Amino acid sequence: GGRVLRLFNSVPGGLMVYAADSSERFILMYGHLDGY
């Protein structure tokens, strides 16, 4: 659980989601996505 911090696109990671967990201590990154 948590919230999206940033939808981002970069040359190495492609389409990515940066998200914070519900404690706001951790950042989770999901990369190389085909779409959101």
Full PDB file with SEQRES, HELIX, SHEET, SSBOND, CRYST1, ORIGX, SCALE, CONECT and MASTER records, all heavy atoms in Angstrom:
SEQRES   1 A   36  GLY GLY ARG VAL LEU ARG LEU PHE ASN SER VAL PRO GLY          
SEQRES   2 A   36  GLY LEU MET VAL TYR ALA ALA ASP SER SER GLU ARG PHE          
SEQRES   3 A   36  ILE LEU MET TYR GLY HIS LEU ASP GLY TYR                      
SHEET    1 AA1 3 GLY A   2  SER A  10  0                                        
SHEET    2 AA1 3 GLY A  14  ASP A  21 -1                                        
SHEET    3 AA1 3 ILE A  27  LEU A  33 -1                                        
CRYST1    1.000    1.000    1.000  90.00  90.00  90.00 P 1           1          
ORIGX1      1.000000  0.000000  0.000000        0.00000                         
ORIGX2      0.000000  1.000000  0.000000        0.00000                         
ORIGX3      0.000000  0.000000  1.000000        0.00000                         
SCALE1      1.000000  0.000000  0.000000        0.00000                         
SCALE2      0.000000  1.000000  0.000000        0.00000                         
SCALE3      0.000000  0.000000  1.000000        0.00000                         
ATOM      1  N   GLY A   1       0.839  -1.179   0.000  1.00  0.00           N  
ATOM      2  CA  GLY A   1       0.000   0.000   0.000  1.00  0.00           C  
ATOM      3  C   GLY A   1       0.882   1.239   0.000  1.00  0.00           C  
ATOM      4  O   GLY A   1       2.078   1.163   0.270  1.00  0.00           O  
ATOM      5  N   GLY A   2       0.316   2.388  -0.297  1.00  0.00           N  
ATOM      6  CA  GLY A   2       1.097   3.624  -0.316  1.00  0.00           C  
ATOM      7  C   GLY A   2       0.565   4.602  -1.324  1.00  0.00           C  
ATOM      8  O   GLY A   2      -0.647   4.792  -1.448  1.00  0.00           O  
ATOM      9  N   ARG A   3       1.450   5.179  -2.117  1.00  0.00           N  
ATOM     10  CA  ARG A   3       1.028   6.147  -3.125  1.00  0.00           C  
ATOM     11  C   ARG A   3       2.085   6.269  -4.221  1.00  0.00           C  
ATOM     12  O   ARG A   3       3.264   5.975  -4.000  1.00  0.00           O  
ATOM     13  CB  ARG A   3       0.770   7.524  -2.515  1.00  0.00           C  
ATOM     14  CG  ARG A   3       2.006   8.171  -1.880  1.00  0.00           C  
ATOM     15  CD  ARG A   3       1.638   9.443  -1.124  1.00  0.00           C  
ATOM     16  NE  ARG A   3       2.790  10.002  -0.409  1.00  0.00           N  
ATOM     17  CZ  ARG A   3       3.595  10.929  -0.905  1.00  0.00           C  
ATOM     18  NH1 ARG A   3       3.400  11.377  -2.137  1.00  0.00           N  
ATOM     19  NH2 ARG A   3       4.597  11.401  -0.191  1.00  0.00           N  
ATOM     20  N   VAL A   4       1.659   6.717  -5.370  1.00  0.00           N  
ATOM     21  CA  VAL A   4       2.577   6.955  -6.479  1.00  0.00           C  
ATOM     22  C   VAL A   4       3.337   8.250  -6.210  1.00  0.00           C  
ATOM     23  O   VAL A   4       2.744   9.280  -5.912  1.00  0.00           O  
ATOM     24  CB  VAL A   4       1.820   7.075  -7.821  1.00  0.00           C  
ATOM     25  CG1 VAL A   4       2.781   7.464  -8.935  1.00  0.00           C  
ATOM     26  CG2 VAL A   4       1.115   5.771  -8.146  1.00  0.00           C  
ATOM     27  N   LEU A   5       4.642   8.171  -6.323  1.00  0.00           N  
ATOM     28  CA  LEU A   5       5.461   9.372  -6.217  1.00  0.00           C  
ATOM     29  C   LEU A   5       5.674  10.025  -7.571  1.00  0.00           C  
ATOM     30  O   LEU A   5       5.525  11.229  -7.713  1.00  0.00           O  
ATOM     31  CB  LEU A   5       6.829   9.022  -5.609  1.00  0.00           C  
ATOM     32  CG  LEU A   5       6.832   8.516  -4.172  1.00  0.00           C  
ATOM     33  CD1 LEU A   5       8.225   8.035  -3.792  1.00  0.00           C  
ATOM     34  CD2 LEU A   5       6.362   9.606  -3.223  1.00  0.00           C  
ATOM     35  N   ARG A   6       5.989   9.195  -8.577  1.00  0.00           N  
ATOM     36  CA  ARG A   6       6.284   9.769  -9.889  1.00  0.00           C  
ATOM     37  C   ARG A   6       6.149   8.720 -10.975  1.00  0.00           C  
ATOM     38  O   ARG A   6       6.656   7.600 -10.840  1.00  0.00           O  
ATOM     39  CB  ARG A   6       7.708  10.328  -9.906  1.00  0.00           C  
ATOM     40  CG  ARG A   6       8.099  11.075 -11.175  1.00  0.00           C  
ATOM     41  CD  ARG A   6       7.389  12.418 -11.266  1.00  0.00           C  
ATOM     42  NE  ARG A   6       7.764  13.119 -12.475  1.00  0.00           N  
ATOM     43  CZ  ARG A   6       8.765  14.017 -12.550  1.00  0.00           C  
ATOM     44  NH1 ARG A   6       9.476  14.288 -11.479  1.00  0.00           N  
ATOM     45  NH2 ARG A   6       9.034  14.628 -13.683  1.00  0.00           N  
ATOM     46  N   LEU A   7       5.433   9.053 -12.044  1.00  0.00           N  
ATOM     47  CA  LEU A   7       5.475   8.272 -13.274  1.00  0.00           C  
ATOM     48  C   LEU A   7       6.576   8.888 -14.115  1.00  0.00           C  
ATOM     49  O   LEU A   7       6.574  10.088 -14.368  1.00  0.00           O  
ATOM     50  CB  LEU A   7       4.131   8.341 -14.006  1.00  0.00           C  
ATOM     51  CG  LEU A   7       2.890   7.906 -13.220  1.00  0.00           C  
ATOM     52  CD1 LEU A   7       1.669   7.916 -14.115  1.00  0.00           C  
ATOM     53  CD2 LEU A   7       3.082   6.539 -12.588  1.00  0.00           C  
ATOM     54  N   PHE A   8       7.511   8.064 -14.538  1.00  0.00           N  
ATOM     55  CA  PHE A   8       8.718   8.616 -15.154  1.00  0.00           C  
ATOM     56  C   PHE A   8       9.131   7.773 -16.346  1.00  0.00           C  
ATOM     57  O   PHE A   8       8.860   6.576 -16.396  1.00  0.00           O  
ATOM     58  CB  PHE A   8       9.848   8.649 -14.119  1.00  0.00           C  
ATOM     59  CG  PHE A   8      11.033   9.485 -14.516  1.00  0.00           C  
ATOM     60  CD1 PHE A   8      10.923  10.860 -14.642  1.00  0.00           C  
ATOM     61  CD2 PHE A   8      12.257   8.897 -14.766  1.00  0.00           C  
ATOM     62  CE1 PHE A   8      12.020  11.634 -14.996  1.00  0.00           C  
ATOM     63  CE2 PHE A   8      13.361   9.653 -15.124  1.00  0.00           C  
ATOM     64  CZ  PHE A   8      13.243  11.035 -15.238  1.00  0.00           C  
ATOM     65  N   ASN A   9       9.785   8.426 -17.300  1.00  0.00           N  
ATOM     66  CA  ASN A   9      10.311   7.722 -18.470  1.00  0.00           C  
ATOM     67  C   ASN A   9      11.774   8.090 -18.626  1.00  0.00           C  
ATOM     68  O   ASN A   9      12.122   9.270 -18.607  1.00  0.00           O  
ATOM     69  CB  ASN A   9       9.524   8.109 -19.722  1.00  0.00           C  
ATOM     70  CG  ASN A   9       9.941   7.294 -20.935  1.00  0.00           C  
ATOM     71  OD1 ASN A   9      11.050   7.437 -21.435  1.00  0.00           O  
ATOM     72  ND2 ASN A   9       9.061   6.449 -21.415  1.00  0.00           N  
ATOM     73  N   SER A  10      12.625   7.080 -18.757  1.00  0.00           N  
ATOM     74  CA  SER A  10      14.046   7.348 -18.945  1.00  0.00           C  
ATOM     75  C   SER A  10      14.611   6.391 -19.982  1.00  0.00           C  
ATOM     76  O   SER A  10      13.995   5.374 -20.302  1.00  0.00           O  
ATOM     77  CB  SER A  10      14.809   7.186 -17.626  1.00  0.00           C  
ATOM     78  OG  SER A  10      14.955   5.822 -17.289  1.00  0.00           O  
ATOM     79  N   VAL A  11      15.782   6.722 -20.492  1.00  0.00           N  
ATOM     80  CA  VAL A  11      16.424   5.877 -21.497  1.00  0.00           C  
ATOM     81  C   VAL A  11      16.747   4.496 -20.935  1.00  0.00           C  
ATOM     82  O   VAL A  11      16.454   3.481 -21.560  1.00  0.00           O  
ATOM     83  CB  VAL A  11      17.695   6.561 -22.039  1.00  0.00           C  
ATOM     84  CG1 VAL A  11      18.460   5.605 -22.961  1.00  0.00           C  
ATOM     85  CG2 VAL A  11      17.335   7.832 -22.793  1.00  0.00           C  
ATOM     86  N   PRO A  12      17.332   4.380 -19.722  1.00  0.00           N  
ATOM     87  CA  PRO A  12      17.629   3.023 -19.230  1.00  0.00           C  
ATOM     88  C   PRO A  12      16.411   2.284 -18.699  1.00  0.00           C  
ATOM     89  O   PRO A  12      16.254   1.087 -18.941  1.00  0.00           O  
ATOM     90  CB  PRO A  12      18.646   3.268 -18.109  1.00  0.00           C  
ATOM     91  CG  PRO A  12      18.398   4.666 -17.669  1.00  0.00           C  
ATOM     92  CD  PRO A  12      17.951   5.413 -18.885  1.00  0.00           C  
ATOM     93  N   GLY A  13      15.533   2.962 -17.965  1.00  0.00           N  
ATOM     94  CA  GLY A  13      14.438   2.278 -17.285  1.00  0.00           C  
ATOM     95  C   GLY A  13      13.135   2.231 -18.047  1.00  0.00           C  
ATOM     96  O   GLY A  13      12.218   1.505 -17.649  1.00  0.00           O  
ATOM     97  N   GLY A  14      13.011   2.980 -19.139  1.00  0.00           N  
ATOM     98  CA  GLY A  14      11.760   3.033 -19.883  1.00  0.00           C  
ATOM     99  C   GLY A  14      10.654   3.628 -19.039  1.00  0.00           C  
ATOM    100  O   GLY A  14      10.880   4.535 -18.222  1.00  0.00           O  
ATOM    101  N   LEU A  15       9.437   3.142 -19.225  1.00  0.00           N  
ATOM    102  CA  LEU A  15       8.310   3.606 -18.421  1.00  0.00           C  
ATOM    103  C   LEU A  15       8.435   3.027 -17.014  1.00  0.00           C  
ATOM    104  O   LEU A  15       8.550   1.815 -16.847  1.00  0.00           O  
ATOM    105  CB  LEU A  15       6.986   3.164 -19.046  1.00  0.00           C  
ATOM    106  CG  LEU A  15       6.633   3.771 -20.409  1.00  0.00           C  
ATOM    107  CD1 LEU A  15       5.324   3.193 -20.917  1.00  0.00           C  
ATOM    108  CD2 LEU A  15       6.546   5.280 -20.329  1.00  0.00           C  
ATOM    109  N   MET A  16       8.408   3.902 -16.012  1.00  0.00           N  
ATOM    110  CA  MET A  16       8.625   3.469 -14.634  1.00  0.00           C  
ATOM    111  C   MET A  16       7.572   4.071 -13.713  1.00  0.00           C  
ATOM    112  O   MET A  16       7.014   5.133 -13.991  1.00  0.00           O  
ATOM    113  CB  MET A  16      10.011   3.902 -14.151  1.00  0.00           C  
ATOM    114  CG  MET A  16      11.162   3.294 -14.928  1.00  0.00           C  
ATOM    115  SD  MET A  16      12.767   3.815 -14.259  1.00  0.00           S  
ATOM    116  CE  MET A  16      12.805   5.521 -14.789  1.00  0.00           C  
ATOM    117  N   VAL A  17       7.339   3.375 -12.616  1.00  0.00           N  
ATOM    118  CA  VAL A  17       6.531   3.889 -11.517  1.00  0.00           C  
ATOM    119  C   VAL A  17       7.410   3.928 -10.280  1.00  0.00           C  
ATOM    120  O   VAL A  17       7.998   2.911  -9.898  1.00  0.00           O  
ATOM    121  CB  VAL A  17       5.298   3.003 -11.234  1.00  0.00           C  
ATOM    122  CG1 VAL A  17       4.571   3.503  -9.976  1.00  0.00           C  
ATOM    123  CG2 VAL A  17       4.346   3.000 -12.416  1.00  0.00           C  
ATOM    124  N   TYR A  18       7.540   5.106  -9.680  1.00  0.00           N  
ATOM    125  CA  TYR A  18       8.164   5.237  -8.372  1.00  0.00           C  
ATOM    126  C   TYR A  18       7.047   5.403  -7.355  1.00  0.00           C  
ATOM    127  O   TYR A  18       6.188   6.277  -7.511  1.00  0.00           O  
ATOM    128  CB  TYR A  18       9.086   6.456  -8.317  1.00  0.00           C  
ATOM    129  CG  TYR A  18      10.397   6.289  -9.047  1.00  0.00           C  
ATOM    130  CD1 TYR A  18      10.513   6.620 -10.394  1.00  0.00           C  
ATOM    131  CD2 TYR A  18      11.525   5.809  -8.392  1.00  0.00           C  
ATOM    132  CE1 TYR A  18      11.720   6.488 -11.062  1.00  0.00           C  
ATOM    133  CE2 TYR A  18      12.739   5.668  -9.053  1.00  0.00           C  
ATOM    134  CZ  TYR A  18      12.829   6.010 -10.386  1.00  0.00           C  
ATOM    135  OH  TYR A  18      14.017   5.869 -11.048  1.00  0.00           O  
ATOM    136  N   ALA A  19       7.036   4.571  -6.314  1.00  0.00           N  
ATOM    137  CA  ALA A  19       5.972   4.609  -5.319  1.00  0.00           C  
ATOM    138  C   ALA A  19       6.556   4.560  -3.920  1.00  0.00           C  
ATOM    139  O   ALA A  19       7.634   3.992  -3.700  1.00  0.00           O  
ATOM    140  CB  ALA A  19       4.999   3.448  -5.527  1.00  0.00           C  
ATOM    141  N   ALA A  20       5.845   5.162  -2.972  1.00  0.00           N  
ATOM    142  CA  ALA A  20       6.211   5.069  -1.563  1.00  0.00           C  
ATOM    143  C   ALA A  20       5.312   4.054  -0.889  1.00  0.00           C  
ATOM    144  O   ALA A  20       4.129   3.921  -1.244  1.00  0.00           O  
ATOM    145  CB  ALA A  20       6.068   6.434  -0.889  1.00  0.00           C  
ATOM    146  N   ASP A  21       5.859   3.310   0.062  1.00  0.00           N  
ATOM    147  CA  ASP A  21       5.006   2.414   0.834  1.00  0.00           C  
ATOM    148  C   ASP A  21       4.209   3.247   1.837  1.00  0.00           C  
ATOM    149  O   ASP A  21       4.404   4.456   1.957  1.00  0.00           O  
ATOM    150  CB  ASP A  21       5.845   1.346   1.532  1.00  0.00           C  
ATOM    151  CG  ASP A  21       6.520   1.869   2.787  1.00  0.00           C  
ATOM    152  OD1 ASP A  21       7.055   3.005   2.745  1.00  0.00           O  
ATOM    153  OD2 ASP A  21       6.513   1.169   3.810  1.00  0.00           O  
ATOM    154  N   SER A  22       3.303   2.611   2.576  1.00  0.00           N  
ATOM    155  CA  SER A  22       2.419   3.358   3.463  1.00  0.00           C  
ATOM    156  C   SER A  22       3.140   3.967   4.664  1.00  0.00           C  
ATOM    157  O   SER A  22       2.631   4.887   5.296  1.00  0.00           O  
ATOM    158  CB  SER A  22       1.280   2.456   3.954  1.00  0.00           C  
ATOM    159  OG  SER A  22       1.813   1.306   4.600  1.00  0.00           O  
ATOM    160  N   SER A  23       4.345   3.491   4.976  1.00  0.00           N  
ATOM    161  CA  SER A  23       5.108   4.081   6.074  1.00  0.00           C  
ATOM    162  C   SER A  23       5.939   5.268   5.618  1.00  0.00           C  
ATOM    163  O   SER A  23       6.534   5.964   6.449  1.00  0.00           O  
ATOM    164  CB  SER A  23       6.036   3.030   6.691  1.00  0.00           C  
ATOM    165  OG  SER A  23       7.128   2.758   5.826  1.00  0.00           O  
ATOM    166  N   GLU A  24       5.999   5.479   4.308  1.00  0.00           N  
ATOM    167  CA  GLU A  24       6.789   6.574   3.717  1.00  0.00           C  
ATOM    168  C   GLU A  24       8.282   6.416   4.030  1.00  0.00           C  
ATOM    169  O   GLU A  24       9.024   7.397   4.026  1.00  0.00           O  
ATOM    170  CB  GLU A  24       6.292   7.932   4.207  1.00  0.00           C  
ATOM    171  CG  GLU A  24       4.831   8.212   3.924  1.00  0.00           C  
ATOM    172  CD  GLU A  24       4.597   8.923   2.588  1.00  0.00           C  
ATOM    173  OE1 GLU A  24       5.297   9.902   2.302  1.00  0.00           O  
ATOM    174  OE2 GLU A  24       3.706   8.481   1.844  1.00  0.00           O  
ATOM    175  N   ARG A  25       8.712   5.197   4.276  1.00  0.00           N  
ATOM    176  CA  ARG A  25      10.130   4.951   4.520  1.00  0.00           C  
ATOM    177  C   ARG A  25      10.821   4.327   3.309  1.00  0.00           C  
ATOM    178  O   ARG A  25      12.040   4.387   3.199  1.00  0.00           O  
ATOM    179  CB  ARG A  25      10.309   4.011   5.716  1.00  0.00           C  
ATOM    180  CG  ARG A  25       9.728   4.517   7.011  1.00  0.00           C  
ATOM    181  CD  ARG A  25       9.938   3.509   8.132  1.00  0.00           C  
ATOM    182  NE  ARG A  25       9.119   3.820   9.287  1.00  0.00           N  
ATOM    183  CZ  ARG A  25       9.063   3.089  10.385  1.00  0.00           C  
ATOM    184  NH1 ARG A  25       9.782   1.978  10.459  1.00  0.00           N  
ATOM    185  NH2 ARG A  25       8.283   3.434  11.396  1.00  0.00           N  
ATOM    186  N   PHE A  26      10.032   3.709   2.446  1.00  0.00           N  
ATOM    187  CA  PHE A  26      10.606   2.943   1.343  1.00  0.00           C  
ATOM    188  C   PHE A  26      10.086   3.451   0.005  1.00  0.00           C  
ATOM    189  O   PHE A  26       8.928   3.871  -0.106  1.00  0.00           O  
ATOM    190  CB  PHE A  26      10.274   1.455   1.479  1.00  0.00           C  
ATOM    191  CG  PHE A  26      10.765   0.849   2.758  1.00  0.00           C  
ATOM    192  CD1 PHE A  26       9.921   0.727   3.845  1.00  0.00           C  
ATOM    193  CD2 PHE A  26      12.076   0.418   2.870  1.00  0.00           C  
ATOM    194  CE1 PHE A  26      10.371   0.174   5.035  1.00  0.00           C  
ATOM    195  CE2 PHE A  26      12.533  -0.139   4.061  1.00  0.00           C  
ATOM    196  CZ  PHE A  26      11.686  -0.252   5.144  1.00  0.00           C  
ATOM    197  N   ILE A  27      10.955   3.396  -0.983  1.00  0.00           N  
ATOM    198  CA  ILE A  27      10.583   3.713  -2.361  1.00  0.00           C  
ATOM    199  C   ILE A  27      10.662   2.425  -3.166  1.00  0.00           C  
ATOM    200  O   ILE A  27      11.677   1.716  -3.129  1.00  0.00           O  
ATOM    201  CB  ILE A  27      11.513   4.778  -2.962  1.00  0.00           C  
ATOM    202  CG1 ILE A  27      11.351   6.105  -2.215  1.00  0.00           C  
ATOM    203  CG2 ILE A  27      11.222   4.969  -4.451  1.00  0.00           C  
ATOM    204  CD1 ILE A  27      12.347   7.170  -2.633  1.00  0.00           C  
ATOM    205  N   LEU A  28       9.590   2.107  -3.872  1.00  0.00           N  
ATOM    206  CA  LEU A  28       9.538   0.929  -4.726  1.00  0.00           C  
ATOM    207  C   LEU A  28       9.496   1.389  -6.176  1.00  0.00           C  
ATOM    208  O   LEU A  28       8.720   2.283  -6.526  1.00  0.00           O  
ATOM    209  CB  LEU A  28       8.314   0.064  -4.405  1.00  0.00           C  
ATOM    210  CG  LEU A  28       8.275  -0.536  -2.989  1.00  0.00           C  
ATOM    211  CD1 LEU A  28       7.592   0.432  -2.020  1.00  0.00           C  
ATOM    212  CD2 LEU A  28       7.541  -1.861  -2.982  1.00  0.00           C  
ATOM    213  N   MET A  29      10.320   0.795  -7.005  1.00  0.00           N  
ATOM    214  CA  MET A  29      10.392   1.193  -8.403  1.00  0.00           C  
ATOM    215  C   MET A  29      10.058   0.005  -9.295  1.00  0.00           C  
ATOM    216  O   MET A  29      10.589  -1.093  -9.112  1.00  0.00           O  
ATOM    217  CB  MET A  29      11.776   1.737  -8.740  1.00  0.00           C  
ATOM    218  CG  MET A  29      11.828   2.450 -10.097  1.00  0.00           C  
ATOM    219  SD  MET A  29      12.226   1.357 -11.467  1.00  0.00           S  
ATOM    220  CE  MET A  29      14.004   1.307 -11.323  1.00  0.00           C  
ATOM    221  N   TYR A  30       9.163   0.235 -10.247  1.00  0.00           N  
ATOM    222  CA  TYR A  30       8.737  -0.774 -11.217  1.00  0.00           C  
ATOM    223  C   TYR A  30       9.156  -0.263 -12.598  1.00  0.00           C  
ATOM    224  O   TYR A  30       8.658   0.776 -13.055  1.00  0.00           O  
ATOM    225  CB  TYR A  30       7.230  -0.963 -11.158  1.00  0.00           C  
ATOM    226  CG  TYR A  30       6.667  -1.196  -9.758  1.00  0.00           C  
ATOM    227  CD1 TYR A  30       6.453  -0.128  -8.890  1.00  0.00           C  
ATOM    228  CD2 TYR A  30       6.331  -2.475  -9.318  1.00  0.00           C  
ATOM    229  CE1 TYR A  30       5.935  -0.323  -7.611  1.00  0.00           C  
ATOM    230  CE2 TYR A  30       5.811  -2.683  -8.041  1.00  0.00           C  
ATOM    231  CZ  TYR A  30       5.620  -1.602  -7.198  1.00  0.00           C  
ATOM    232  OH  TYR A  30       5.098  -1.792  -5.940  1.00  0.00           O  
ATOM    233  N   GLY A  31      10.072  -0.971 -13.276  1.00  0.00           N  
ATOM    234  CA  GLY A  31      10.624  -0.467 -14.523  1.00  0.00           C  
ATOM    235  C   GLY A  31      10.373  -1.334 -15.739  1.00  0.00           C  
ATOM    236  O   GLY A  31       9.916  -2.480 -15.633  1.00  0.00           O  
ATOM    237  N   HIS A  32      10.676  -0.772 -16.921  1.00  0.00           N  
ATOM    238  CA  HIS A  32      10.525  -1.411 -18.242  1.00  0.00           C  
ATOM    239  C   HIS A  32       9.059  -1.710 -18.566  1.00  0.00           C  
ATOM    240  O   HIS A  32       8.765  -2.648 -19.315  1.00  0.00           O  
ATOM    241  CB  HIS A  32      11.336  -2.704 -18.336  1.00  0.00           C  
ATOM    242  CG  HIS A  32      12.802  -2.525 -18.101  1.00  0.00           C  
ATOM    243  ND1 HIS A  32      13.530  -1.508 -18.681  1.00  0.00           N  
ATOM    244  CD2 HIS A  32      13.683  -3.241 -17.339  1.00  0.00           C  
ATOM    245  CE1 HIS A  32      14.792  -1.603 -18.294  1.00  0.00           C  
ATOM    246  NE2 HIS A  32      14.911  -2.628 -17.472  1.00  0.00           N  
ATOM    247  N   LEU A  33       8.128  -0.929 -18.016  1.00  0.00           N  
ATOM    248  CA  LEU A  33       6.711  -1.213 -18.224  1.00  0.00           C  
ATOM    249  C   LEU A  33       6.304  -0.979 -19.680  1.00  0.00           C  
ATOM    250  O   LEU A  33       6.845  -0.104 -20.360  1.00  0.00           O  
ATOM    251  CB  LEU A  33       5.855  -0.333 -17.315  1.00  0.00           C  
ATOM    252  CG  LEU A  33       6.087  -0.471 -15.806  1.00  0.00           C  
ATOM    253  CD1 LEU A  33       5.192   0.494 -15.041  1.00  0.00           C  
ATOM    254  CD2 LEU A  33       5.841  -1.901 -15.360  1.00  0.00           C  
ATOM    255  N   ASP A  34       5.323  -1.739 -20.122  1.00  0.00           N  
ATOM    256  CA  ASP A  34       4.763  -1.553 -21.462  1.00  0.00           C  
ATOM    257  C   ASP A  34       3.738  -0.428 -21.462  1.00  0.00           C  
ATOM    258  O   ASP A  34       3.461   0.171 -22.499  1.00  0.00           O  
ATOM    259  CB  ASP A  34       4.103  -2.854 -21.934  1.00  0.00           C  
ATOM    260  CG  ASP A  34       3.849  -2.873 -23.429  1.00  0.00           C  
ATOM    261  OD1 ASP A  34       4.794  -2.572 -24.179  1.00  0.00           O  
ATOM    262  OD2 ASP A  34       2.721  -3.171 -23.840  1.00  0.00           O  
ATOM    263  N   GLY A  35       3.173  -0.140 -20.316  1.00  0.00           N  
ATOM    264  CA  GLY A  35       2.193   0.937 -20.190  1.00  0.00           C  
ATOM    265  C   GLY A  35       1.713   1.020 -18.752  1.00  0.00           C  
ATOM    266  O   GLY A  35       1.979   0.123 -17.938  1.00  0.00           O  
ATOM    267  N   TYR A  36       1.030   2.107 -18.447  1.00  0.00           N  
ATOM    268  CA  TYR A  36       0.479   2.311 -17.110  1.00  0.00           C  
ATOM    269  C   TYR A  36      -0.993   1.910 -17.073  1.00  0.00           C  
ATOM    270  O   TYR A  36      -1.684   1.952 -18.092  1.00  0.00           O  
ATOM    271  CB  TYR A  36       0.593   3.775 -16.694  1.00  0.00           C  
ATOM    272  CG  TYR A  36       2.001   4.311 -16.638  1.00  0.00           C  
ATOM    273  CD1 TYR A  36       2.376   5.420 -17.395  1.00  0.00           C  
ATOM    274  CD2 TYR A  36       2.953   3.716 -15.824  1.00  0.00           C  
ATOM    275  CE1 TYR A  36       3.670   5.925 -17.334  1.00  0.00           C  
ATOM    276  CE2 TYR A  36       4.244   4.208 -15.763  1.00  0.00           C  
ATOM    277  CZ  TYR A  36       4.597   5.318 -16.512  1.00  0.00           C  
ATOM    278  OH  TYR A  36       5.875   5.806 -16.455  1.00  0.00           O  
TER     279      TYR A  36                                                      
MASTER        0    0    0    0    3    0    0    6  278    1    0    3          
END                                                                             
